[in-house]
Amino acid sequence: MLAVDIGGTKMAAAVVDSAGSVHGATTTPTPHTGDPEALFAAVAIVADAAVDRWAGRGPLAAVGVGCGGPMAAGGVTVTPLNIPGWQQFPLRDRLAERYGLPAFVDNDAKALTRAEGWLGAAVGRRDYLAMVVSTGVGAGLVVDGRLLDGASGNAGHLGHVVVEPDGRRCGCGGRGCLEAEASGTAIAAVTGRPAAEADEAVRRRTGCLVGRAVASAVALLDIRLAVVGGSVALGYGASFFDAANDELAARCAIDFGRGARIVPAGLGADGPIVGAGAVGFEGVGLAGVGPSRGGARG
């Protein structure tokens, strides 16, 4: 499976096999441009490199893509908040045309959710959410063993749950969204430094706000596990996760939510590209890839 992960900071591609192993991974910074074709050219560079490195090792079944959202149903077009150069860009069809393969596109956080249910920290769980806290903030929701899509395929945008009612203006047009307060982009805007250089107070505040949003999701969806990846969350480590779990415990006192926890993504940095592969495998009907359909209640 040719797997492509597209975010506001970087683009990556690799071949992901049916066991979830990653081959020939290549990355490039996401261009800061309003030219949609220049953005697609950057995707093509990393995808071509992954295909070239795989040459001679077997056929590719499809292209699977995880991309920042929102997007139209089925990933027909994408309009990522963190890639403003793409407005209703026909990513799926462009990739299918370029590689002569069926292409399947979903939100990058939903892709990660598939990966974590397949091989990561949510294996065997029928109820969980998985989050990306990076340039932006997104999530995927698994309830009763099914990954939720919603009316337009955009279910799970936990980054646009309000955590600070009088907070910063968000790229979505709202105010006080989790993404506007806890994303890498927001942290850099507030502190004047790259998010990776944030001090302990900022790291703990970021975790606290994520815990606040997860508490609402726990109460709404009756889940007890949140798996969190992304460069901000994983980079902040224990400071982030301890604060997130403290806030979750303080905010979610309802009986069925007690004991809910927030844990690091089990696949680490490989999660997004494995998730993109899982999108493709699901698209071609390969069973056993993605969220579990059985197992323990989460």
Protein backbone atom coordinates (compact mmCIF):
# COMPACT_ATOMS: atom_id res chain seq x y z
CA MET A 1 0.00 0.00 0.00
CA LEU A 2 1.33 3.43 -0.95
CA ALA A 3 0.67 5.47 2.20
CA VAL A 4 0.69 9.28 2.25
CA ASP A 5 0.41 11.49 5.33
CA ILE A 6 -0.26 15.19 4.74
CA GLY A 7 -0.09 17.75 7.53
CA GLY A 8 0.50 21.43 8.01
CA THR A 9 4.17 20.98 8.90
CA LYS A 10 5.30 18.01 6.84
CA MET A 11 4.29 15.56 4.15
CA ALA A 12 5.38 11.92 4.24
CA ALA A 13 5.01 8.80 2.16
CA ALA A 14 6.02 5.16 2.45
CA VAL A 15 4.89 1.70 1.49
CA VAL A 16 3.02 0.00 4.32
CA ASP A 17 2.62 -3.77 4.06
CA SER A 18 -0.27 -5.85 5.38
CA ALA A 19 1.58 -6.46 8.66
CA GLY A 20 1.87 -2.70 9.25
CA SER A 21 5.60 -2.48 8.54
CA VAL A 22 6.84 0.78 7.00
CA HIS A 23 9.19 0.73 3.99
CA GLY A 24 11.06 3.54 2.27
CA ALA A 25 9.64 6.42 4.29
CA THR A 26 10.34 9.89 2.87
CA THR A 27 9.36 13.28 4.28
CA THR A 28 9.43 16.89 3.17
CA PRO A 29 8.30 20.15 4.79
CA THR A 30 4.86 21.28 3.72
CA PRO A 31 5.40 24.29 1.42
CA HIS A 32 4.17 27.65 2.69
CA THR A 33 2.38 28.60 -0.50
CA GLY A 34 -1.06 29.42 -1.76
CA ASP A 35 -0.38 27.55 -5.01
CA PRO A 36 -2.35 24.28 -4.94
CA GLU A 37 -0.21 22.72 -7.66
CA ALA A 38 3.00 23.45 -5.77
CA LEU A 39 1.52 21.67 -2.76
CA PHE A 40 0.54 18.67 -4.87
CA ALA A 41 4.02 18.61 -6.42
CA ALA A 42 5.48 18.26 -2.91
CA VAL A 43 3.16 15.31 -2.24
CA ALA A 44 4.23 13.74 -5.52
CA ILE A 45 7.93 14.06 -4.66
CA VAL A 46 7.66 12.01 -1.47
CA ALA A 47 5.18 9.53 -2.96
CA ASP A 48 7.34 8.99 -6.04
CA ALA A 49 10.36 8.37 -3.81
CA ALA A 50 8.47 5.75 -1.80
CA VAL A 51 7.33 4.01 -5.00
CA ASP A 52 10.86 4.04 -6.40
CA ARG A 53 12.29 2.51 -3.22
CA TRP A 54 9.67 -0.25 -3.36
CA ALA A 55 10.23 -1.04 -7.05
CA GLY A 56 10.56 -4.74 -7.82
CA ARG A 57 9.17 -5.91 -4.47
CA GLY A 58 5.58 -6.47 -5.52
CA PRO A 59 2.49 -4.64 -6.77
CA LEU A 60 0.81 -1.84 -4.86
CA ALA A 61 -2.90 -2.31 -4.21
CA ALA A 62 -3.93 1.33 -3.75
CA VAL A 63 -3.02 4.71 -2.32
CA GLY A 64 -4.12 5.40 1.26
CA VAL A 65 -4.02 8.98 2.52
CA GLY A 66 -4.37 10.70 5.86
CA CYS A 67 -4.79 14.45 5.39
CA GLY A 68 -5.66 17.36 7.62
CA GLY A 69 -9.32 18.34 7.43
CA PRO A 70 -12.00 19.21 6.95
CA MET A 71 -12.86 17.47 3.70
CA ALA A 72 -15.83 16.44 1.62
CA ALA A 73 -17.45 13.06 2.22
CA GLY A 74 -15.24 10.24 1.02
CA GLY A 75 -12.24 12.54 0.80
CA VAL A 76 -13.27 13.62 -2.69
CA THR A 77 -11.91 17.10 -1.99
CA VAL A 78 -9.86 18.48 0.90
CA THR A 79 -9.82 21.94 2.51
CA PRO A 80 -7.34 21.66 5.39
CA LEU A 81 -7.37 24.54 7.86
CA ASN A 82 -3.59 24.26 8.20
CA ILE A 83 -2.94 24.11 4.43
CA PRO A 84 -4.83 27.15 3.15
CA GLY A 85 -3.51 26.71 -0.39
CA TRP A 86 -5.92 23.79 -0.84
CA GLN A 87 -9.54 24.80 -1.07
CA GLN A 88 -11.73 21.90 -2.18
CA PHE A 89 -8.67 20.35 -3.81
CA PRO A 90 -9.43 17.04 -5.60
CA LEU A 91 -6.64 15.13 -3.87
CA ARG A 92 -8.17 11.67 -4.18
CA ASP A 93 -8.65 11.81 -7.93
CA ARG A 94 -5.31 13.47 -8.57
CA LEU A 95 -3.46 10.70 -6.74
CA ALA A 96 -5.48 7.98 -8.44
CA GLU A 97 -4.66 9.49 -11.82
CA ARG A 98 -0.96 9.89 -11.08
CA TYR A 99 -0.37 6.35 -9.83
CA GLY A 100 -3.01 4.41 -11.77
CA LEU A 101 -4.35 3.00 -8.51
CA PRO A 102 -7.53 3.41 -6.51
CA ALA A 103 -7.02 6.13 -3.91
CA PHE A 104 -8.73 6.53 -0.53
CA VAL A 105 -8.51 9.70 1.59
CA ASP A 106 -9.56 10.33 5.18
CA ASN A 107 -8.76 12.76 7.96
CA ASP A 108 -5.25 12.25 9.35
CA ALA A 109 -6.50 11.85 12.93
CA LYS A 110 -9.01 9.22 11.83
CA ALA A 111 -6.14 7.50 10.03
CA LEU A 112 -4.15 7.46 13.27
CA THR A 113 -7.21 6.06 15.03
CA ARG A 114 -7.21 3.12 12.64
CA ALA A 115 -3.49 2.53 13.22
CA GLU A 116 -3.77 2.57 17.00
CA GLY A 117 -6.69 0.13 16.91
CA TRP A 118 -4.80 -2.13 14.51
CA LEU A 119 -1.34 -2.23 16.07
CA GLY A 120 -1.04 0.43 18.76
CA ALA A 121 -2.30 1.36 22.20
CA ALA A 122 -5.97 0.61 21.45
CA VAL A 123 -5.64 -2.97 20.19
CA GLY A 124 -8.63 -4.98 21.36
CA ARG A 125 -10.68 -1.92 22.32
CA ARG A 126 -14.19 -1.38 21.00
CA ASP A 127 -14.56 2.13 22.44
CA TYR A 128 -11.80 4.76 22.37
CA LEU A 129 -10.65 7.96 20.78
CA ALA A 130 -7.28 8.75 19.25
CA MET A 131 -5.91 12.26 18.91
CA VAL A 132 -3.21 14.15 17.10
CA VAL A 133 -1.80 17.18 18.95
CA SER A 134 0.66 18.71 16.53
CA THR A 135 0.46 21.63 14.09
CA GLY A 136 -3.30 21.24 14.55
CA VAL A 137 -5.50 19.09 16.77
CA GLY A 138 -7.80 16.36 15.53
CA ALA A 139 -9.29 13.09 16.67
CA GLY A 140 -11.06 9.95 15.57
CA LEU A 141 -13.84 8.26 17.55
CA VAL A 142 -14.47 4.53 17.81
CA VAL A 143 -17.75 3.50 19.43
CA ASP A 144 -19.06 -0.08 19.54
CA GLY A 145 -16.13 -1.12 17.35
CA ARG A 146 -16.95 1.32 14.56
CA LEU A 147 -14.99 4.37 13.48
CA LEU A 148 -17.50 7.21 13.31
CA ASP A 149 -17.71 9.22 10.09
CA GLY A 150 -20.61 11.64 10.58
CA ALA A 151 -22.71 13.22 7.85
CA SER A 152 -19.73 14.49 5.82
CA GLY A 153 -16.96 12.23 7.09
CA ASN A 154 -15.66 14.82 9.56
CA ALA A 155 -16.70 13.28 12.88
CA GLY A 156 -14.03 13.60 15.55
CA HIS A 157 -12.87 17.20 15.18
CA LEU A 158 -12.12 17.45 18.89
CA GLY A 159 -9.81 20.32 18.07
CA HIS A 160 -12.90 22.47 17.71
CA VAL A 161 -14.40 21.70 21.09
CA VAL A 162 -14.39 24.95 23.09
CA VAL A 163 -12.04 24.77 26.09
CA GLU A 164 -11.61 28.51 26.77
CA PRO A 165 -14.92 30.35 26.10
CA ASP A 166 -13.22 33.74 25.78
CA GLY A 167 -10.06 32.35 24.24
CA ARG A 168 -8.15 32.94 21.02
CA ARG A 169 -9.76 33.15 17.60
CA CYS A 170 -9.50 29.81 15.79
CA GLY A 171 -8.80 29.18 12.12
CA CYS A 172 -12.27 27.62 11.88
CA GLY A 173 -13.81 31.01 12.71
CA GLY A 174 -14.75 30.16 16.28
CA ARG A 175 -13.13 31.23 19.51
CA GLY A 176 -11.50 29.27 22.32
CA CYS A 177 -11.27 25.98 20.42
CA LEU A 178 -8.76 23.41 21.64
CA GLU A 179 -6.81 23.87 18.40
CA ALA A 180 -6.66 27.63 18.96
CA GLU A 181 -5.21 27.11 22.45
CA ALA A 182 -3.18 23.88 22.42
CA SER A 183 -1.88 23.25 18.90
CA GLY A 184 1.73 23.78 17.96
CA THR A 185 0.65 26.71 15.81
CA ALA A 186 -1.18 28.35 18.72
CA ILE A 187 1.64 27.77 21.18
CA ALA A 188 4.16 29.36 18.82
CA ALA A 189 1.88 32.36 18.25
CA VAL A 190 1.39 32.97 21.97
CA THR A 191 4.96 32.35 23.15
CA GLY A 192 6.86 33.70 20.15
CA ARG A 193 8.97 30.52 20.04
CA PRO A 194 8.61 27.13 18.34
CA ALA A 195 6.27 24.87 20.28
CA ALA A 196 9.14 22.46 20.98
CA GLU A 197 10.83 25.17 23.09
CA ALA A 198 7.85 25.72 25.41
CA ASP A 199 8.51 25.90 29.12
CA GLU A 200 7.05 23.60 31.76
CA ALA A 201 4.03 25.82 32.42
CA VAL A 202 3.02 25.82 28.75
CA ARG A 203 3.52 22.07 28.49
CA ARG A 204 1.29 21.44 31.47
CA ARG A 205 -1.34 23.92 30.29
CA THR A 206 -1.44 22.19 26.90
CA GLY A 207 -2.00 18.82 28.57
CA CYS A 208 -4.63 20.33 30.87
CA LEU A 209 -6.64 21.68 27.94
CA VAL A 210 -6.50 18.35 26.14
CA GLY A 211 -7.68 16.61 29.31
CA ARG A 212 -10.57 19.09 29.49
CA ALA A 213 -11.67 18.27 25.94
CA VAL A 214 -11.30 14.54 26.48
CA ALA A 215 -13.47 14.77 29.61
CA SER A 216 -16.32 16.06 27.45
CA ALA A 217 -15.82 13.27 24.93
CA VAL A 218 -15.80 10.64 27.70
CA ALA A 219 -19.12 11.92 29.04
CA LEU A 220 -20.64 12.19 25.58
CA LEU A 221 -19.51 8.87 24.13
CA ASP A 222 -19.07 6.57 27.14
CA ILE A 223 -15.42 5.79 26.40
CA ARG A 224 -12.54 5.33 28.83
CA LEU A 225 -9.44 5.46 26.67
CA ALA A 226 -7.88 8.34 24.76
CA VAL A 227 -4.71 7.62 22.79
CA VAL A 228 -2.75 10.76 21.95
CA GLY A 229 0.02 11.21 19.41
CA GLY A 230 1.52 14.10 17.47
CA SER A 231 4.75 16.02 17.87
CA VAL A 232 3.46 18.35 20.60
CA ALA A 233 1.95 15.67 22.84
CA LEU A 234 4.74 13.14 22.42
CA GLY A 235 7.42 15.82 22.58
CA TYR A 236 6.08 17.22 25.87
CA GLY A 237 6.00 13.75 27.39
CA ALA A 238 5.20 13.26 31.08
CA SER A 239 4.49 16.96 31.68
CA PHE A 240 1.71 16.82 29.11
CA PHE A 241 0.25 13.44 29.99
CA ASP A 242 0.30 13.93 33.76
CA ALA A 243 -1.51 17.26 33.43
CA ALA A 244 -3.98 15.81 30.93
CA ASN A 245 -4.90 12.93 33.23
CA ASP A 246 -5.17 15.20 36.27
CA GLU A 247 -7.61 17.44 34.42
CA LEU A 248 -9.54 14.48 33.04
CA ALA A 249 -10.01 13.08 36.56
CA ALA A 250 -11.08 16.48 37.92
CA ARG A 251 -13.56 17.22 35.13
CA CYS A 252 -15.09 13.82 34.51
CA ALA A 253 -16.76 12.77 37.75
CA ILE A 254 -19.74 10.94 36.28
CA ASP A 255 -19.77 7.30 37.40
CA PHE A 256 -19.30 5.67 34.02
CA GLY A 257 -16.35 7.95 33.19
CA ARG A 258 -14.31 7.23 36.29
CA GLY A 259 -11.06 5.52 35.51
CA ALA A 260 -10.81 6.99 32.02
CA ARG A 261 -7.22 7.67 31.01
CA ILE A 262 -5.11 9.39 28.40
CA VAL A 263 -2.08 7.46 27.10
CA PRO A 264 0.64 8.08 24.51
CA ALA A 265 0.11 6.65 21.05
CA GLY A 266 1.63 3.19 20.91
CA LEU A 267 3.05 3.56 17.39
CA GLY A 268 4.87 6.81 18.10
CA ALA A 269 6.06 8.69 15.05
CA ASP A 270 5.05 5.84 12.71
CA GLY A 271 1.38 6.13 13.65
CA PRO A 272 0.28 8.61 10.96
CA ILE A 273 1.87 6.77 8.04
CA VAL A 274 0.67 3.36 9.29
CA GLY A 275 -2.76 4.96 9.61
CA ALA A 276 -2.64 6.19 6.03
CA GLY A 277 -1.83 2.65 4.97
CA ALA A 278 -4.79 1.41 7.01
CA VAL A 279 -7.07 3.84 5.14
CA GLY A 280 -5.98 2.21 1.90
CA PHE A 281 -6.31 -1.34 3.18
CA GLU A 282 -9.80 -0.60 4.45
CA GLY A 283 -10.64 0.92 1.08
CA VAL A 284 -9.77 -2.26 -0.80
CA GLY A 285 -11.63 -4.38 1.74
CA LEU A 286 -8.79 -6.03 3.66
CA ALA A 287 -10.27 -7.35 6.91
CA GLY A 288 -8.48 -7.02 10.22
CA VAL A 289 -6.94 -3.61 9.59
CA GLY A 290 -8.11 -0.62 11.64
CA PRO A 291 -10.29 -0.44 14.75
CA SER A 292 -11.03 -3.80 16.33
CA ARG A 293 -14.46 -5.30 15.78
CA GLY A 294 -14.25 -7.31 18.99
CA GLY A 295 -12.36 -7.38 22.24
CA ALA A 296 -12.55 -5.67 25.60
CA ARG A 297 -14.74 -2.71 26.36
CA GLY A 298 -12.69 0.50 26.49
